[in-house]
C-alpha atoms as a PDB file:
ATOM      1  CA  UNK A   1      13.433  23.762   1.599  1.00  0.00           C
ATOM      2  CA  UNK A   2      16.671  21.908   0.909  1.00  0.00           C
ATOM      3  CA  UNK A   3      15.242  18.738   3.122  1.00  0.00           C
ATOM      4  CA  UNK A   4      12.288  18.615   1.025  1.00  0.00           C
ATOM      5  CA  UNK A   5      14.234  18.723  -2.599  1.00  0.00           C
ATOM      6  CA  UNK A   6      16.260  15.817  -0.981  1.00  0.00           C
ATOM      7  CA  UNK A   7      13.251  14.117  -0.155  1.00  0.00           C
ATOM      8  CA  UNK A   8      11.939  14.409  -3.506  1.00  0.00           C
ATOM      9  CA  UNK A   9      15.387  13.345  -4.875  1.00  0.00           C
ATOM     10  CA  UNK A  10      15.361  10.701  -2.598  1.00  0.00           C
ATOM     11  CA  UNK A  11      13.972   8.067  -4.869  1.00  0.00           C
ATOM     12  CA  UNK A  12      16.342   8.447  -7.512  1.00  0.00           C
ATOM     13  CA  UNK A  13      19.193   8.658  -5.262  1.00  0.00           C
ATOM     14  CA  UNK A  14      17.757   5.245  -3.653  1.00  0.00           C
ATOM     15  CA  UNK A  15      18.062   3.665  -7.270  1.00  0.00           C
ATOM     16  CA  UNK A  16      21.605   4.869  -7.950  1.00  0.00           C
ATOM     17  CA  UNK A  17      23.034   3.637  -4.805  1.00  0.00           C
ATOM     18  CA  UNK A  18      21.442   0.408  -5.332  1.00  0.00           C
ATOM     19  CA  UNK A  19      22.687   0.252  -8.626  1.00  0.00           C
ATOM     20  CA  UNK A  20      26.128   1.128  -7.517  1.00  0.00           C
ATOM     21  CA  UNK A  21      26.342  -1.672  -4.962  1.00  0.00           C
ATOM     22  CA  UNK A  22      24.997  -4.125  -7.241  1.00  0.00           C
ATOM     23  CA  UNK A  23      28.232  -3.180  -9.713  1.00  0.00           C
ATOM     24  CA  UNK A  24      30.505  -3.389  -6.592  1.00  0.00           C
ATOM     25  CA  UNK A  25      31.243   0.589  -6.445  1.00  0.00           C
ATOM     26  CA  UNK A  26      32.265   2.339  -3.404  1.00  0.00           C
ATOM     27  CA  UNK A  27      29.523   4.615  -2.461  1.00  0.00           C
ATOM     28  CA  UNK A  28      31.110   7.557  -0.756  1.00  0.00           C
ATOM     29  CA  UNK A  29      29.949   7.364   3.342  1.00  0.00           C
ATOM     30  CA  UNK A  30      29.281  11.485   3.098  1.00  0.00           C
ATOM     31  CA  UNK A  31      26.894  10.894   0.328  1.00  0.00           C
ATOM     32  CA  UNK A  32      25.119   8.051   1.388  1.00  0.00           C
ATOM     33  CA  UNK A  33      24.566   9.283   4.734  1.00  0.00           C
ATOM     34  CA  UNK A  34      23.354  12.763   3.339  1.00  0.00           C
ATOM     35  CA  UNK A  35      21.033  10.793   1.226  1.00  0.00           C
ATOM     36  CA  UNK A  36      19.587   8.855   4.171  1.00  0.00           C
ATOM     37  CA  UNK A  37      19.271  11.925   6.146  1.00  0.00           C
ATOM     38  CA  UNK A  38      17.692  13.921   3.639  1.00  0.00           C
ATOM     39  CA  UNK A  39      15.244  10.761   2.705  1.00  0.00           C
ATOM     40  CA  UNK A  40      13.509  11.122   6.457  1.00  0.00           C
ATOM     41  CA  UNK A  41      11.040  13.720   7.615  1.00  0.00           C
ATOM     42  CA  UNK A  42       8.682  13.867  10.023  1.00  0.00           C
ATOM     43  CA  UNK A  43       5.594  12.860   8.003  1.00  0.00           C
ATOM     44  CA  UNK A  44       3.609   9.696   8.263  1.00  0.00           C
ATOM     45  CA  UNK A  45       6.242   6.501   7.549  1.00  0.00           C
ATOM     46  CA  UNK A  46       9.066   9.048   8.115  1.00  0.00           C
ATOM     47  CA  UNK A  47       8.109  10.968   4.779  1.00  0.00           C
ATOM     48  CA  UNK A  48       8.689  14.625   4.270  1.00  0.00           C
ATOM     49  CA  UNK A  49       5.498  16.171   2.182  1.00  0.00           C
ATOM     50  CA  UNK A  50       5.126  12.469   0.947  1.00  0.00           C
ATOM     51  CA  UNK A  51       8.360  12.279  -0.447  1.00  0.00           C
ATOM     52  CA  UNK A  52      11.175   9.601   0.809  1.00  0.00           C
ATOM     53  CA  UNK A  53      10.656   7.925   4.392  1.00  0.00           C
ATOM     54  CA  UNK A  54      11.813   5.189   6.211  1.00  0.00           C
ATOM     55  CA  UNK A  55      11.330   2.257   3.591  1.00  0.00           C
ATOM     56  CA  UNK A  56      13.869   4.484   0.986  1.00  0.00           C
ATOM     57  CA  UNK A  57      16.108   5.102   4.082  1.00  0.00           C
ATOM     58  CA  UNK A  58      16.182   1.390   4.755  1.00  0.00           C
ATOM     59  CA  UNK A  59      16.665   0.664   1.199  1.00  0.00           C
ATOM     60  CA  UNK A  60      19.626   3.069   0.764  1.00  0.00           C
ATOM     61  CA  UNK A  61      21.068   1.274   4.390  1.00  0.00           C
ATOM     62  CA  UNK A  62      20.858  -1.843   2.714  1.00  0.00           C
ATOM     63  CA  UNK A  63      22.668  -0.564  -0.326  1.00  0.00           C
ATOM     64  CA  UNK A  64      25.478   0.907   1.481  1.00  0.00           C
ATOM     65  CA  UNK A  65      25.956  -2.157   4.139  1.00  0.00           C
ATOM     66  CA  UNK A  66      26.331  -4.579   0.654  1.00  0.00           C
ATOM     67  CA  UNK A  67      28.560  -1.910  -1.215  1.00  0.00           C
ATOM     68  CA  UNK A  68      32.584  -3.256  -1.000  1.00  0.00           C
ATOM     69  CA  UNK A  69      33.238  -0.596   1.903  1.00  0.00           C
ATOM     70  CA  UNK A  70      30.148  -2.463   3.802  1.00  0.00           C
ATOM     71  CA  UNK A  71      28.489  -1.105   6.792  1.00  0.00           C
ATOM     72  CA  UNK A  72      31.647   0.863   8.271  1.00  0.00           C
ATOM     73  CA  UNK A  73      30.485   3.650   5.582  1.00  0.00           C
ATOM     74  CA  UNK A  74      27.227   3.931   7.450  1.00  0.00           C
ATOM     75  CA  UNK A  75      27.398   6.565  10.320  1.00  0.00           C
ATOM     76  CA  UNK A  76      26.178   6.246  13.880  1.00  0.00           C
ATOM     77  CA  UNK A  77      23.931   9.189  12.545  1.00  0.00           C
ATOM     78  CA  UNK A  78      21.870   7.579   9.908  1.00  0.00           C
ATOM     79  CA  UNK A  79      21.420   4.512  11.683  1.00  0.00           C
ATOM     80  CA  UNK A  80      19.944   6.231  14.487  1.00  0.00           C
ATOM     81  CA  UNK A  81      18.144   8.550  12.344  1.00  0.00           C
ATOM     82  CA  UNK A  82      16.298   5.590  11.136  1.00  0.00           C
ATOM     83  CA  UNK A  83      15.644   3.976  14.289  1.00  0.00           C
ATOM     84  CA  UNK A  84      14.304   7.478  15.577  1.00  0.00           C
ATOM     85  CA  UNK A  85      12.109   7.775  12.426  1.00  0.00           C
ATOM     86  CA  UNK A  86      10.784   4.232  12.996  1.00  0.00           C
ATOM     87  CA  UNK A  87       9.988   4.752  16.914  1.00  0.00           C
ATOM     88  CA  UNK A  88       7.808   7.629  15.887  1.00  0.00           C
ATOM     89  CA  UNK A  89       6.305   5.825  13.022  1.00  0.00           C
ATOM     90  CA  UNK A  90       5.036   3.176  15.891  1.00  0.00           C
ATOM     91  CA  UNK A  91       7.481   0.361  14.544  1.00  0.00           C
ATOM     92  CA  UNK A  92       8.956  -0.245  17.882  1.00  0.00           C
ATOM     93  CA  UNK A  93      10.168  -3.770  17.204  1.00  0.00           C
ATOM     94  CA  UNK A  94      12.028  -2.625  13.798  1.00  0.00           C
ATOM     95  CA  UNK A  95      13.426   0.008  15.797  1.00  0.00           C
ATOM     96  CA  UNK A  96      14.596  -1.767  18.929  1.00  0.00           C
ATOM     97  CA  UNK A  97      16.062  -4.604  16.270  1.00  0.00           C
ATOM     98  CA  UNK A  98      18.483  -1.810  14.390  1.00  0.00           C
ATOM     99  CA  UNK A  99      19.133  -0.177  17.536  1.00  0.00           C
ATOM    100  CA  UNK A 100      20.527  -3.447  19.197  1.00  0.00           C
ATOM    101  CA  UNK A 101      22.290  -3.980  15.599  1.00  0.00           C
ATOM    102  CA  UNK A 102      24.224  -0.848  16.152  1.00  0.00           C
ATOM    103  CA  UNK A 103      25.199  -1.281  19.660  1.00  0.00           C
ATOM    104  CA  UNK A 104      25.949  -5.349  18.834  1.00  0.00           C
ATOM    105  CA  UNK A 105      27.116  -5.357  15.439  1.00  0.00           C
ATOM    106  CA  UNK A 106      28.453  -1.939  14.890  1.00  0.00           C
ATOM    107  CA  UNK A 107      29.829  -1.168  18.310  1.00  0.00           C
ATOM    108  CA  UNK A 108      28.009   2.118  18.140  1.00  0.00           C
ATOM    109  CA  UNK A 109      27.266   4.072  21.492  1.00  0.00           C
ATOM    110  CA  UNK A 110      24.121   5.915  20.581  1.00  0.00           C
ATOM    111  CA  UNK A 111      22.970   9.035  21.705  1.00  0.00           C
ATOM    112  CA  UNK A 112      20.342   9.037  24.668  1.00  0.00           C
ATOM    113  CA  UNK A 113      18.171  10.598  22.259  1.00  0.00           C
ATOM    114  CA  UNK A 114      17.942   7.495  20.046  1.00  0.00           C
ATOM    115  CA  UNK A 115      17.075   5.123  23.033  1.00  0.00           C
ATOM    116  CA  UNK A 116      14.396   7.978  24.537  1.00  0.00           C
ATOM    117  CA  UNK A 117      13.079   7.716  21.087  1.00  0.00           C
ATOM    118  CA  UNK A 118      12.279   3.976  21.029  1.00  0.00           C
ATOM    119  CA  UNK A 119      11.399   4.125  24.625  1.00  0.00           C
ATOM    120  CA  UNK A 120       8.656   6.701  24.046  1.00  0.00           C
ATOM    121  CA  UNK A 121       7.035   4.731  21.076  1.00  0.00           C
ATOM    122  CA  UNK A 122       7.439   1.416  23.047  1.00  0.00           C
ATOM    123  CA  UNK A 123       5.538   3.149  26.156  1.00  0.00           C
ATOM    124  CA  UNK A 124       3.070   4.102  23.711  1.00  0.00           C
ATOM    125  CA  UNK A 125       3.090   0.757  22.049  1.00  0.00           C
ATOM    126  CA  UNK A 126       2.264  -0.690  25.670  1.00  0.00           C
ATOM    127  CA  UNK A 127       5.837  -3.189  25.324  1.00  0.00           C
END
């Protein structure tokens, strides 16, 4: 139930994070990462009962990355959750790009489960 409420609140939260970023406010890492996690579900397009989803989570990540504290406030778990959601949704190229960014640009070492989610999606896609 808490995740559903989080997903329902994800659009207003996205708008708040974007506005904070535009006005150069620091977005607290714990808050931003919780918003990303609660925006994602297992439904179509990463939604939770039609709320939230991958697009919302990506917009939140972009807002966090462009805030004064930058990408350093985004946790590996947040990136990984979006990568896994992209893989489940069949967006293999996007999942690979974000996974590559995690490793190359942010020097994260994602858990094997994140790589597995992308590999499963790629095998289903025939890539």
